[in-house]
Amino acid sequence: MKKWTRWEDWVTIAAGLAVASAAFFLSPMGASVPIMVVLGILLIASGFVNLAWPGLVAMEYVQGGLGVLLIISPWVGRYVETDVFGPAWMSWICGTIALVLAALAIRPAMRAHHDAITH
């Protein structure tokens, strides 16, 4: 697997960028701004690490964990609201994207890691 070519990581970076920047455009509630910015930046960083080293299986689990944190963050940060689209929905959507893409990328990362080990 070549560096800088995995579409899953590019989409994860886009999701991290979307959630981090949306914190400033959507109406702030509870702790939505710091949570969304921090988790978005961490998603972006993990995406770039995965692009640079595609055989790091642990980083796929980190991305999945960040996705789970984004999914539960509206309840933890107390920014669950009844708006049609607000910070909670952005966290849920981007967290689900990150979680699904991490699950899709685990097998290829394991294969790349296995192929990199010399026997």
PDB file of N, CA and C in Angstrom:
ATOM      1  N   MET A   1       0.850  -1.174   0.000  1.00  0.00           N
ATOM      2  CA  MET A   1       0.000   0.000   0.000  1.00  0.00           C
ATOM      3  C   MET A   1       0.893   1.234   0.000  1.00  0.00           C
ATOM      4  N   LYS A   2       0.597   2.160  -0.890  1.00  0.00           N
ATOM      5  CA  LYS A   2       1.405   3.364  -1.019  1.00  0.00           C
ATOM      6  C   LYS A   2       0.982   4.422  -0.005  1.00  0.00           C
ATOM      7  N   LYS A   3       1.962   5.234   0.346  1.00  0.00           N
ATOM      8  CA  LYS A   3       1.684   6.354   1.239  1.00  0.00           C
ATOM      9  C   LYS A   3       0.849   7.400   0.517  1.00  0.00           C
ATOM     10  N   TRP A   4       0.038   8.124   1.276  1.00  0.00           N
ATOM     11  CA  TRP A   4      -0.729   9.275   0.810  1.00  0.00           C
ATOM     12  C   TRP A   4      -1.785   8.926  -0.239  1.00  0.00           C
ATOM     13  N   THR A   5      -2.219   7.671  -0.303  1.00  0.00           N
ATOM     14  CA  THR A   5      -3.190   7.305  -1.337  1.00  0.00           C
ATOM     15  C   THR A   5      -4.492   6.728  -0.804  1.00  0.00           C
ATOM     16  N   ARG A   6      -4.610   6.481   0.477  1.00  0.00           N
ATOM     17  CA  ARG A   6      -5.817   5.832   0.996  1.00  0.00           C
ATOM     18  C   ARG A   6      -6.962   6.823   1.124  1.00  0.00           C
ATOM     19  N   TRP A   7      -8.035   6.552   0.407  1.00  0.00           N
ATOM     20  CA  TRP A   7      -9.182   7.458   0.399  1.00  0.00           C
ATOM     21  C   TRP A   7      -9.850   7.536   1.769  1.00  0.00           C
ATOM     22  N   GLU A   8      -9.806   6.428   2.543  1.00  0.00           N
ATOM     23  CA  GLU A   8     -10.434   6.433   3.870  1.00  0.00           C
ATOM     24  C   GLU A   8      -9.819   7.500   4.766  1.00  0.00           C
ATOM     25  N   ASP A   9      -8.501   7.648   4.676  1.00  0.00           N
ATOM     26  CA  ASP A   9      -7.826   8.629   5.522  1.00  0.00           C
ATOM     27  C   ASP A   9      -8.102  10.058   5.063  1.00  0.00           C
ATOM     28  N   TRP A  10      -8.195  10.254   3.752  1.00  0.00           N
ATOM     29  CA  TRP A  10      -8.522  11.598   3.245  1.00  0.00           C
ATOM     30  C   TRP A  10      -9.937  12.008   3.669  1.00  0.00           C
ATOM     31  N   VAL A  11     -10.874  11.076   3.633  1.00  0.00           N
ATOM     32  CA  VAL A  11     -12.238  11.387   4.056  1.00  0.00           C
ATOM     33  C   VAL A  11     -12.285  11.639   5.561  1.00  0.00           C
ATOM     34  N   THR A  12     -11.495  10.886   6.327  1.00  0.00           N
ATOM     35  CA  THR A  12     -11.429  11.106   7.773  1.00  0.00           C
ATOM     36  C   THR A  12     -10.863  12.490   8.075  1.00  0.00           C
ATOM     37  N   ILE A  13      -9.850  12.902   7.330  1.00  0.00           N
ATOM     38  CA  ILE A  13      -9.291  14.250   7.502  1.00  0.00           C
ATOM     39  C   ILE A  13     -10.359  15.297   7.191  1.00  0.00           C
ATOM     40  N   ALA A  14     -11.121  15.073   6.132  1.00  0.00           N
ATOM     41  CA  ALA A  14     -12.197  16.010   5.781  1.00  0.00           C
ATOM     42  C   ALA A  14     -13.264  16.062   6.876  1.00  0.00           C
ATOM     43  N   ALA A  15     -13.591  14.907   7.455  1.00  0.00           N
ATOM     44  CA  ALA A  15     -14.573  14.879   8.547  1.00  0.00           C
ATOM     45  C   ALA A  15     -14.036  15.627   9.768  1.00  0.00           C
ATOM     46  N   GLY A  16     -12.756  15.446  10.074  1.00  0.00           N
ATOM     47  CA  GLY A  16     -12.148  16.175  11.188  1.00  0.00           C
ATOM     48  C   GLY A  16     -12.137  17.667  10.948  1.00  0.00           C
ATOM     49  N   LEU A  17     -11.827  18.059   9.721  1.00  0.00           N
ATOM     50  CA  LEU A  17     -11.842  19.479   9.368  1.00  0.00           C
ATOM     51  C   LEU A  17     -13.259  20.042   9.453  1.00  0.00           C
ATOM     52  N   ALA A  18     -14.231  19.258   9.008  1.00  0.00           N
ATOM     53  CA  ALA A  18     -15.627  19.707   9.047  1.00  0.00           C
ATOM     54  C   ALA A  18     -16.109  19.908  10.476  1.00  0.00           C
ATOM     55  N   VAL A  19     -15.817  18.948  11.350  1.00  0.00           N
ATOM     56  CA  VAL A  19     -16.318  19.064  12.726  1.00  0.00           C
ATOM     57  C   VAL A  19     -15.584  20.173  13.484  1.00  0.00           C
ATOM     58  N   ALA A  20     -14.277  20.333  13.232  1.00  0.00           N
ATOM     59  CA  ALA A  20     -13.526  21.380  13.928  1.00  0.00           C
ATOM     60  C   ALA A  20     -13.973  22.768  13.474  1.00  0.00           C
ATOM     61  N   SER A  21     -14.193  22.949  12.175  1.00  0.00           N
ATOM     62  CA  SER A  21     -14.601  24.270  11.695  1.00  0.00           C
ATOM     63  C   SER A  21     -16.077  24.549  11.982  1.00  0.00           C
ATOM     64  N   ALA A  22     -16.913  23.513  12.007  1.00  0.00           N
ATOM     65  CA  ALA A  22     -18.339  23.705  12.291  1.00  0.00           C
ATOM     66  C   ALA A  22     -18.569  24.219  13.704  1.00  0.00           C
ATOM     67  N   ALA A  23     -17.637  23.952  14.590  1.00  0.00           N
ATOM     68  CA  ALA A  23     -17.784  24.428  15.967  1.00  0.00           C
ATOM     69  C   ALA A  23     -17.881  25.948  16.021  1.00  0.00           C
ATOM     70  N   PHE A  24     -17.297  26.615  15.036  1.00  0.00           N
ATOM     71  CA  PHE A  24     -17.309  28.070  15.027  1.00  0.00           C
ATOM     72  C   PHE A  24     -18.489  28.650  14.254  1.00  0.00           C
ATOM     73  N   PHE A  25     -19.148  27.825  13.434  1.00  0.00           N
ATOM     74  CA  PHE A  25     -20.252  28.319  12.614  1.00  0.00           C
ATOM     75  C   PHE A  25     -21.624  27.941  13.165  1.00  0.00           C
ATOM     76  N   LEU A  26     -21.696  26.875  13.933  1.00  0.00           N
ATOM     77  CA  LEU A  26     -22.968  26.455  14.515  1.00  0.00           C
ATOM     78  C   LEU A  26     -23.138  27.117  15.874  1.00  0.00           C
ATOM     79  N   SER A  27     -24.371  27.222  16.329  1.00  0.00           N
ATOM     80  CA  SER A  27     -24.622  27.875  17.618  1.00  0.00           C
ATOM     81  C   SER A  27     -24.001  27.054  18.744  1.00  0.00           C
ATOM     82  N   PRO A  28     -23.123  27.686  19.533  1.00  0.00           N
ATOM     83  CA  PRO A  28     -22.448  26.947  20.610  1.00  0.00           C
ATOM     84  C   PRO A  28     -23.420  26.594  21.732  1.00  0.00           C
ATOM     85  N   MET A  29     -23.280  25.379  22.218  1.00  0.00           N
ATOM     86  CA  MET A  29     -24.095  24.911  23.342  1.00  0.00           C
ATOM     87  C   MET A  29     -23.195  24.093  24.250  1.00  0.00           C
ATOM     88  N   GLY A  30     -23.355  24.244  25.530  1.00  0.00           N
ATOM     89  CA  GLY A  30     -22.562  23.462  26.474  1.00  0.00           C
ATOM     90  C   GLY A  30     -21.079  23.599  26.170  1.00  0.00           C
ATOM     91  N   ALA A  31     -20.425  22.469  26.083  1.00  0.00           N
ATOM     92  CA  ALA A  31     -18.985  22.443  25.794  1.00  0.00           C
ATOM     93  C   ALA A  31     -18.724  22.043  24.349  1.00  0.00           C
ATOM     94  N   SER A  32     -19.632  22.393  23.446  1.00  0.00           N
ATOM     95  CA  SER A  32     -19.510  21.928  22.065  1.00  0.00           C
ATOM     96  C   SER A  32     -18.261  22.446  21.363  1.00  0.00           C
ATOM     97  N   VAL A  33     -17.932  23.703  21.555  1.00  0.00           N
ATOM     98  CA  VAL A  33     -16.808  24.277  20.820  1.00  0.00           C
ATOM     99  C   VAL A  33     -15.481  23.601  21.170  1.00  0.00           C
ATOM    100  N   PRO A  34     -15.080  23.528  22.442  1.00  0.00           N
ATOM    101  CA  PRO A  34     -13.785  22.899  22.710  1.00  0.00           C
ATOM    102  C   PRO A  34     -13.754  21.408  22.363  1.00  0.00           C
ATOM    103  N   ILE A  35     -14.840  20.711  22.615  1.00  0.00           N
ATOM    104  CA  ILE A  35     -14.867  19.279  22.322  1.00  0.00           C
ATOM    105  C   ILE A  35     -14.747  19.040  20.824  1.00  0.00           C
ATOM    106  N   MET A  36     -15.535  19.761  20.032  1.00  0.00           N
ATOM    107  CA  MET A  36     -15.509  19.553  18.590  1.00  0.00           C
ATOM    108  C   MET A  36     -14.172  19.972  17.983  1.00  0.00           C
ATOM    109  N   VAL A  37     -13.593  21.048  18.467  1.00  0.00           N
ATOM    110  CA  VAL A  37     -12.307  21.503  17.934  1.00  0.00           C
ATOM    111  C   VAL A  37     -11.207  20.493  18.266  1.00  0.00           C
ATOM    112  N   VAL A  38     -11.141  20.060  19.504  1.00  0.00           N
ATOM    113  CA  VAL A  38     -10.084  19.121  19.909  1.00  0.00           C
ATOM    114  C   VAL A  38     -10.230  17.789  19.185  1.00  0.00           C
ATOM    115  N   LEU A  39     -11.429  17.226  19.174  1.00  0.00           N
ATOM    116  CA  LEU A  39     -11.609  15.937  18.506  1.00  0.00           C
ATOM    117  C   LEU A  39     -11.421  16.061  16.992  1.00  0.00           C
ATOM    118  N   GLY A  40     -11.812  17.184  16.418  1.00  0.00           N
ATOM    119  CA  GLY A  40     -11.585  17.398  14.990  1.00  0.00           C
ATOM    120  C   GLY A  40     -10.102  17.466  14.653  1.00  0.00           C
ATOM    121  N   ILE A  41      -9.353  18.191  15.452  1.00  0.00           N
ATOM    122  CA  ILE A  41      -7.907  18.293  15.228  1.00  0.00           C
ATOM    123  C   ILE A  41      -7.243  16.932  15.412  1.00  0.00           C
ATOM    124  N   LEU A  42      -7.675  16.171  16.399  1.00  0.00           N
ATOM    125  CA  LEU A  42      -7.114  14.829  16.600  1.00  0.00           C
ATOM    126  C   LEU A  42      -7.444  13.896  15.436  1.00  0.00           C
ATOM    127  N   LEU A  43      -8.647  14.028  14.879  1.00  0.00           N
ATOM    128  CA  LEU A  43      -8.994  13.238  13.690  1.00  0.00           C
ATOM    129  C   LEU A  43      -8.118  13.614  12.506  1.00  0.00           C
ATOM    130  N   ILE A  44      -7.889  14.895  12.322  1.00  0.00           N
ATOM    131  CA  ILE A  44      -7.023  15.351  11.236  1.00  0.00           C
ATOM    132  C   ILE A  44      -5.609  14.797  11.418  1.00  0.00           C
ATOM    133  N   ALA A  45      -5.086  14.902  12.634  1.00  0.00           N
ATOM    134  CA  ALA A  45      -3.729  14.409  12.912  1.00  0.00           C
ATOM    135  C   ALA A  45      -3.631  12.902  12.702  1.00  0.00           C
ATOM    136  N   SER A  46      -4.623  12.156  13.177  1.00  0.00           N
ATOM    137  CA  SER A  46      -4.571  10.695  12.999  1.00  0.00           C
ATOM    138  C   SER A  46      -4.697  10.319  11.529  1.00  0.00           C
ATOM    139  N   GLY A  47      -5.458  11.090  10.776  1.00  0.00           N
ATOM    140  CA  GLY A  47      -5.562  10.834   9.337  1.00  0.00           C
ATOM    141  C   GLY A  47      -4.232  11.036   8.633  1.00  0.00           C
ATOM    142  N   PHE A  48      -3.521  12.099   8.988  1.00  0.00           N
ATOM    143  CA  PHE A  48      -2.216  12.337   8.372  1.00  0.00           C
ATOM    144  C   PHE A  48      -1.194  11.284   8.789  1.00  0.00           C
ATOM    145  N   VAL A  49      -1.261  10.835  10.040  1.00  0.00           N
ATOM    146  CA  VAL A  49      -0.355   9.762  10.476  1.00  0.00           C
ATOM    147  C   VAL A  49      -0.648   8.487   9.686  1.00  0.00           C
ATOM    148  N   ASN A  50      -1.916   8.168   9.500  1.00  0.00           N
ATOM    149  CA  ASN A  50      -2.273   6.983   8.718  1.00  0.00           C
ATOM    150  C   ASN A  50      -1.860   7.111   7.264  1.00  0.00           C
ATOM    151  N   LEU A  51      -1.930   8.304   6.711  1.00  0.00           N
ATOM    152  CA  LEU A  51      -1.494   8.493   5.330  1.00  0.00           C
ATOM    153  C   LEU A  51       0.016   8.325   5.195  1.00  0.00           C
ATOM    154  N   ALA A  52       0.757   8.826   6.168  1.00  0.00           N
ATOM    155  CA  ALA A  52       2.214   8.742   6.116  1.00  0.00           C
ATOM    156  C   ALA A  52       2.721   7.333   6.396  1.00  0.00           C
ATOM    157  N   TRP A  53       2.073   6.614   7.307  1.00  0.00           N
ATOM    158  CA  TRP A  53       2.470   5.251   7.668  1.00  0.00           C
ATOM    159  C   TRP A  53       1.251   4.347   7.578  1.00  0.00           C
ATOM    160  N   PRO A  54       0.916   3.859   6.390  1.00  0.00           N
ATOM    161  CA  PRO A  54      -0.325   3.101   6.201  1.00  0.00           C
ATOM    162  C   PRO A  54      -0.365   1.747   6.908  1.00  0.00           C
ATOM    163  N   GLY A  55       0.729   1.266   7.438  1.00  0.00           N
ATOM    164  CA  GLY A  55       0.734  -0.027   8.115  1.00  0.00           C
ATOM    165  C   GLY A  55       0.547   0.050   9.614  1.00  0.00           C
ATOM    166  N   LEU A  56       0.256   1.220  10.160  1.00  0.00           N
ATOM    167  CA  LEU A  56       0.066   1.355  11.603  1.00  0.00           C
ATOM    168  C   LEU A  56      -1.373   0.968  11.970  1.00  0.00           C
ATOM    169  N   VAL A  57      -1.554  -0.253  12.374  1.00  0.00           N
ATOM    170  CA  VAL A  57      -2.893  -0.751  12.691  1.00  0.00           C
ATOM    171  C   VAL A  57      -3.460  -0.028  13.909  1.00  0.00           C
ATOM    172  N   ALA A  58      -2.616   0.300  14.861  1.00  0.00           N
ATOM    173  CA  ALA A  58      -3.089   0.955  16.083  1.00  0.00           C
ATOM    174  C   ALA A  58      -3.754   2.296  15.783  1.00  0.00           C
ATOM    175  N   MET A  59      -3.290   2.997  14.769  1.00  0.00           N
ATOM    176  CA  MET A  59      -3.891   4.290  14.441  1.00  0.00           C
ATOM    177  C   MET A  59      -5.305   4.134  13.895  1.00  0.00           C
ATOM    178  N   GLU A  60      -5.606   3.005  13.279  1.00  0.00           N
ATOM    179  CA  GLU A  60      -6.985   2.761  12.844  1.00  0.00           C
ATOM    180  C   GLU A  60      -7.899   2.644  14.056  1.00  0.00           C
ATOM    181  N   TYR A  61      -7.403   1.990  15.095  1.00  0.00           N
ATOM    182  CA  TYR A  61      -8.186   1.889  16.330  1.00  0.00           C
ATOM    183  C   TYR A  61      -8.318   3.250  17.009  1.00  0.00           C
ATOM    184  N   VAL A  62      -7.272   4.063  16.917  1.00  0.00           N
ATOM    185  CA  VAL A  62      -7.340   5.417  17.469  1.00  0.00           C
ATOM    186  C   VAL A  62      -8.420   6.221  16.746  1.00  0.00           C
ATOM    187  N   GLN A  63      -8.443   6.119  15.400  1.00  0.00           N
ATOM    188  CA  GLN A  63      -9.475   6.831  14.636  1.00  0.00           C
ATOM    189  C   GLN A  63     -10.867   6.334  15.006  1.00  0.00           C
ATOM    190  N   GLY A  64     -11.019   5.028  15.167  1.00  0.00           N
ATOM    191  CA  GLY A  64     -12.310   4.490  15.585  1.00  0.00           C
ATOM    192  C   GLY A  64     -12.710   4.999  16.956  1.00  0.00           C
ATOM    193  N   GLY A  65     -11.738   5.064  17.864  1.00  0.00           N
ATOM    194  CA  GLY A  65     -12.005   5.596  19.198  1.00  0.00           C
ATOM    195  C   GLY A  65     -12.395   7.060  19.177  1.00  0.00           C
ATOM    196  N   LEU A  66     -11.747   7.832  18.323  1.00  0.00           N
ATOM    197  CA  LEU A  66     -12.119   9.242  18.180  1.00  0.00           C
ATOM    198  C   LEU A  66     -13.527   9.374  17.615  1.00  0.00           C
ATOM    199  N   GLY A  67     -13.881   8.478  16.695  1.00  0.00           N
ATOM    200  CA  GLY A  67     -15.245   8.470  16.174  1.00  0.00           C
ATOM    201  C   GLY A  67     -16.263   8.201  17.258  1.00  0.00           C
ATOM    202  N   VAL A  68     -15.963   7.228  18.111  1.00  0.00           N
ATOM    203  CA  VAL A  68     -16.862   6.913  19.228  1.00  0.00           C
ATOM    204  C   VAL A  68     -16.965   8.100  20.178  1.00  0.00           C
ATOM    205  N   LEU A  69     -15.829   8.742  20.458  1.00  0.00           N
ATOM    206  CA  LEU A  69     -15.866   9.919  21.328  1.00  0.00           C
ATOM    207  C   LEU A  69     -16.712  11.043  20.736  1.00  0.00           C
ATOM    208  N   LEU A  70     -16.619  11.223  19.423  1.00  0.00           N
ATOM    209  CA  LEU A  70     -17.465  12.241  18.793  1.00  0.00           C
ATOM    210  C   LEU A  70     -18.938  11.875  18.883  1.00  0.00           C
ATOM    211  N   ILE A  71     -19.246  10.594  18.760  1.00  0.00           N
ATOM    212  CA  ILE A  71     -20.644  10.162  18.827  1.00  0.00           C
ATOM    213  C   ILE A  71     -21.232  10.398  20.216  1.00  0.00           C
ATOM    214  N   ILE A  72     -20.459  10.127  21.271  1.00  0.00           N
ATOM    215  CA  ILE A  72     -20.992  10.288  22.631  1.00  0.00           C
ATOM    216  C   ILE A  72     -20.795  11.698  23.192  1.00  0.00           C
ATOM    217  N   SER A  73     -19.982  12.520  22.515  1.00  0.00           N
ATOM    218  CA  SER A  73     -19.665  13.844  23.063  1.00  0.00           C
ATOM    219  C   SER A  73     -20.862  14.773  23.262  1.00  0.00           C
ATOM    220  N   PRO A  74     -21.929  14.721  22.450  1.00  0.00           N
ATOM    221  CA  PRO A  74     -23.057  15.619  22.743  1.00  0.00           C
ATOM    222  C   PRO A  74     -23.695  15.366  24.110  1.00  0.00           C
ATOM    223  N   TRP A  75     -23.696  14.135  24.554  1.00  0.00           N
ATOM    224  CA  TRP A  75     -24.269  13.842  25.878  1.00  0.00           C
ATOM    225  C   TRP A  75     -23.280  14.197  26.969  1.00  0.00           C
ATOM    226  N   VAL A  76     -22.002  13.905  26.749  1.00  0.00           N
ATOM    227  CA  VAL A  76     -20.983  14.208  27.757  1.00  0.00           C
ATOM    228  C   VAL A  76     -20.798  15.721  27.890  1.00  0.00           C
ATOM    229  N   GLY A  77     -20.753  16.420  26.752  1.00  0.00           N
ATOM    230  CA  GLY A  77     -20.543  17.863  26.761  1.00  0.00           C
ATOM    231  C   GLY A  77     -21.812  18.671  26.915  1.00  0.00           C
ATOM    232  N   ARG A  78     -22.923  17.989  27.067  1.00  0.00           N
ATOM    233  CA  ARG A  78     -24.226  18.623  27.278  1.00  0.00           C
ATOM    234  C   ARG A  78     -24.593  19.607  26.161  1.00  0.00           C
ATOM    235  N   TYR A  79     -24.441  19.128  24.923  1.00  0.00           N
ATOM    236  CA  TYR A  79     -24.904  19.966  23.822  1.00  0.00           C
ATOM    237  C   TYR A  79     -25.857  19.220  22.894  1.00  0.00           C
ATOM    238  N   VAL A  80     -26.632  18.328  23.479  1.00  0.00           N
ATOM    239  CA  VAL A  80     -27.727  17.698  22.754  1.00  0.00           C
ATOM    240  C   VAL A  80     -28.866  18.706  22.732  1.00  0.00           C
ATOM    241  N   GLU A  81     -29.355  19.004  21.549  1.00  0.00           N
ATOM    242  CA  GLU A  81     -30.422  19.998  21.425  1.00  0.00           C
ATOM    243  C   GLU A  81     -31.492  19.491  20.472  1.00  0.00           C
ATOM    244  N   THR A  82     -32.507  20.255  20.314  1.00  0.00           N
ATOM    245  CA  THR A  82     -33.604  19.853  19.442  1.00  0.00           C
ATOM    246  C   THR A  82     -33.569  20.568  18.096  1.00  0.00           C
ATOM    247  N   ASP A  83     -32.516  21.316  17.815  1.00  0.00           N
ATOM    248  CA  ASP A  83     -32.397  22.000  16.528  1.00  0.00           C
ATOM    249  C   ASP A  83     -32.380  20.972  15.398  1.00  0.00           C
ATOM    250  N   VAL A  84     -32.785  21.408  14.230  1.00  0.00           N
ATOM    251  CA  VAL A  84     -32.764  20.529  13.070  1.00  0.00           C
ATOM    252  C   VAL A  84     -31.331  20.084  12.783  1.00  0.00           C
ATOM    253  N   PHE A  85     -30.399  21.011  12.746  1.00  0.00           N
ATOM    254  CA  PHE A  85     -28.992  20.671  12.535  1.00  0.00           C
ATOM    255  C   PHE A  85     -28.150  21.589  13.392  1.00  0.00           C
ATOM    256  N   GLY A  86     -27.460  21.004  14.341  1.00  0.00           N
ATOM    257  CA  GLY A  86     -26.629  21.776  15.246  1.00  0.00           C
ATOM    258  C   GLY A  86     -25.349  21.026  15.547  1.00  0.00           C
ATOM    259  N   PRO A  87     -24.650  21.446  16.588  1.00  0.00           N
ATOM    260  CA  PRO A  87     -23.382  20.806  16.925  1.00  0.00           C
ATOM    261  C   PRO A  87     -23.515  19.314  17.213  1.00  0.00           C
ATOM    262  N   ALA A  88     -24.617  18.905  17.828  1.00  0.00           N
ATOM    263  CA  ALA A  88     -24.786  17.489  18.143  1.00  0.00           C
ATOM    264  C   ALA A  88     -24.862  16.654  16.868  1.00  0.00           C
ATOM    265  N   TRP A  89     -25.653  17.111  15.904  1.00  0.00           N
ATOM    266  CA  TRP A  89     -25.769  16.370  14.644  1.00  0.00           C
ATOM    267  C   TRP A  89     -24.444  16.327  13.913  1.00  0.00           C
ATOM    268  N   MET A  90     -23.707  17.399  13.923  1.00  0.00           N
ATOM    269  CA  MET A  90     -22.401  17.412  13.264  1.00  0.00           C
ATOM    270  C   MET A  90     -21.459  16.418  13.926  1.00  0.00           C
ATOM    271  N   SER A  91     -21.487  16.346  15.255  1.00  0.00           N
ATOM    272  CA  SER A  91     -20.655  15.383  15.969  1.00  0.00           C
ATOM    273  C   SER A  91     -21.066  13.952  15.646  1.00  0.00           C
ATOM    274  N   TRP A  92     -22.364  13.698  15.635  1.00  0.00           N
ATOM    275  CA  TRP A  92     -22.838  12.346  15.343  1.00  0.00           C
ATOM    276  C   TRP A  92     -22.478  11.910  13.926  1.00  0.00           C
ATOM    277  N   ILE A  93     -22.678  12.794  12.956  1.00  0.00           N
ATOM    278  CA  ILE A  93     -22.407  12.449  11.555  1.00  0.00           C
ATOM    279  C   ILE A  93     -20.911  12.225  11.328  1.00  0.00           C
ATOM    280  N   CYS A  94     -20.081  13.164  11.769  1.00  0.00           N
ATOM    281  CA  CYS A  94     -18.638  13.035  11.553  1.00  0.00           C
ATOM    282  C   CYS A  94     -18.047  11.887  12.375  1.00  0.00           C
ATOM    283  N   GLY A  95     -18.576  11.663  13.572  1.00  0.00           N
ATOM    284  CA  GLY A  95     -18.121  10.531  14.381  1.00  0.00           C
ATOM    285  C   GLY A  95     -18.455   9.200  13.737  1.00  0.00           C
ATOM    286  N   THR A  96     -19.642   9.100  13.171  1.00  0.00           N
ATOM    287  CA  THR A  96     -20.036   7.867  12.490  1.00  0.00           C
ATOM    288  C   THR A  96     -19.177   7.643  11.247  1.00  0.00           C
ATOM    289  N   ILE A  97     -18.917   8.699  10.505  1.00  0.00           N
ATOM    290  CA  ILE A  97     -18.044   8.580   9.330  1.00  0.00           C
ATOM    291  C   ILE A  97     -16.663   8.081   9.747  1.00  0.00           C
ATOM    292  N   ALA A  98     -16.095   8.672  10.783  1.00  0.00           N
ATOM    293  CA  ALA A  98     -14.766   8.267  11.246  1.00  0.00           C
ATOM    294  C   ALA A  98     -14.762   6.818  11.723  1.00  0.00           C
ATOM    295  N   LEU A  99     -15.793   6.416  12.440  1.00  0.00           N
ATOM    296  CA  LEU A  99     -15.865   5.053  12.954  1.00  0.00           C
ATOM    297  C   LEU A  99     -15.995   4.037  11.822  1.00  0.00           C
ATOM    298  N   VAL A 100     -16.863   4.298  10.871  1.00  0.00           N
ATOM    299  CA  VAL A 100     -17.064   3.375   9.746  1.00  0.00           C
ATOM    300  C   VAL A 100     -15.800   3.282   8.892  1.00  0.00           C
ATOM    301  N   LEU A 101     -15.174   4.421   8.612  1.00  0.00           N
ATOM    302  CA  LEU A 101     -13.970   4.399   7.790  1.00  0.00           C
ATOM    303  C   LEU A 101     -12.807   3.713   8.493  1.00  0.00           C
ATOM    304  N   ALA A 102     -12.705   3.863   9.802  1.00  0.00           N
ATOM    305  CA  ALA A 102     -11.667   3.149  10.544  1.00  0.00           C
ATOM    306  C   ALA A 102     -11.904   1.649  10.469  1.00  0.00           C
ATOM    307  N   ALA A 103     -13.159   1.237  10.580  1.00  0.00           N
ATOM    308  CA  ALA A 103     -13.472  -0.195  10.477  1.00  0.00           C
ATOM    309  C   ALA A 103     -13.146  -0.724   9.083  1.00  0.00           C
ATOM    310  N   LEU A 104     -13.404   0.071   8.056  1.00  0.00           N
ATOM    311  CA  LEU A 104     -13.085  -0.353   6.686  1.00  0.00           C
ATOM    312  C   LEU A 104     -11.584  -0.422   6.434  1.00  0.00           C
ATOM    313  N   ALA A 105     -10.810   0.387   7.119  1.00  0.00           N
ATOM    314  CA  ALA A 105      -9.376   0.476   6.861  1.00  0.00           C
ATOM    315  C   ALA A 105      -8.539  -0.467   7.715  1.00  0.00           C
ATOM    316  N   ILE A 106      -9.141  -1.146   8.678  1.00  0.00           N
ATOM    317  CA  ILE A 106      -8.351  -2.010   9.560  1.00  0.00           C
ATOM    318  C   ILE A 106      -7.726  -3.165   8.791  1.00  0.00           C
ATOM    319  N   ARG A 107      -8.511  -3.862   7.959  1.00  0.00           N
ATOM    320  CA  ARG A 107      -7.978  -5.006   7.212  1.00  0.00           C
ATOM    321  C   ARG A 107      -6.839  -4.612   6.274  1.00  0.00           C
ATOM    322  N   PRO A 108      -7.003  -3.558   5.450  1.00  0.00           N
ATOM    323  CA  PRO A 108      -5.875  -3.167   4.597  1.00  0.00           C
ATOM    324  C   PRO A 108      -4.640  -2.753   5.399  1.00  0.00           C
ATOM    325  N   ALA A 109      -4.836  -2.114   6.547  1.00  0.00           N
ATOM    326  CA  ALA A 109      -3.698  -1.730   7.382  1.00  0.00           C
ATOM    327  C   ALA A 109      -3.009  -2.960   7.946  1.00  0.00           C
ATOM    328  N   MET A 110      -3.780  -3.959   8.331  1.00  0.00           N
ATOM    329  CA  MET A 110      -3.188  -5.199   8.835  1.00  0.00           C
ATOM    330  C   MET A 110      -2.399  -5.901   7.727  1.00  0.00           C
ATOM    331  N   ARG A 111      -2.947  -5.891   6.527  1.00  0.00           N
ATOM    332  CA  ARG A 111      -2.261  -6.506   5.389  1.00  0.00           C
ATOM    333  C   ARG A 111      -0.961  -5.761   5.086  1.00  0.00           C
ATOM    334  N   ALA A 112      -0.993  -4.432   5.097  1.00  0.00           N
ATOM    335  CA  ALA A 112       0.210  -3.629   4.831  1.00  0.00           C
ATOM    336  C   ALA A 112       1.243  -3.860   5.922  1.00  0.00           C
ATOM    337  N   HIS A 113       0.794  -3.985   7.162  1.00  0.00           N
ATOM    338  CA  HIS A 113       1.716  -4.237   8.264  1.00  0.00           C
ATOM    339  C   HIS A 113       2.355  -5.613   8.109  1.00  0.00           C
ATOM    340  N   HIS A 114       1.554  -6.592   7.753  1.00  0.00           N
ATOM    341  CA  HIS A 114       2.056  -7.956   7.584  1.00  0.00           C
ATOM    342  C   HIS A 114       3.056  -8.025   6.419  1.00  0.00           C
ATOM    343  N   ASP A 115       2.741  -7.328   5.328  1.00  0.00           N
ATOM    344  CA  ASP A 115       3.640  -7.339   4.163  1.00  0.00           C
ATOM    345  C   ASP A 115       4.945  -6.613   4.440  1.00  0.00           C
ATOM    346  N   ALA A 116       4.933  -5.659   5.355  1.00  0.00           N
ATOM    347  CA  ALA A 116       6.142  -4.904   5.676  1.00  0.00           C
ATOM    348  C   ALA A 116       7.108  -5.706   6.534  1.00  0.00           C
ATOM    349  N   ILE A 117       6.582  -6.712   7.230  1.00  0.00           N
ATOM    350  CA  ILE A 117       7.446  -7.536   8.096  1.00  0.00           C
ATOM    351  C   ILE A 117       8.171  -8.543   7.214  1.00  0.00           C
ATOM    352  N   THR A 118       9.501  -8.543   7.337  1.00  0.00           N
ATOM    353  CA  THR A 118      10.273  -9.510   6.551  1.00  0.00           C
ATOM    354  C   THR A 118      10.325 -10.844   7.273  1.00  0.00           C
ATOM    355  N   HIS A 119      10.237 -11.896   6.509  1.00  0.00           N
ATOM    356  CA  HIS A 119      10.259 -13.237   7.116  1.00  0.00           C
ATOM    357  C   HIS A 119      11.568 -13.902   6.904  1.00  0.00           C
TER     358      HIS A 119
END
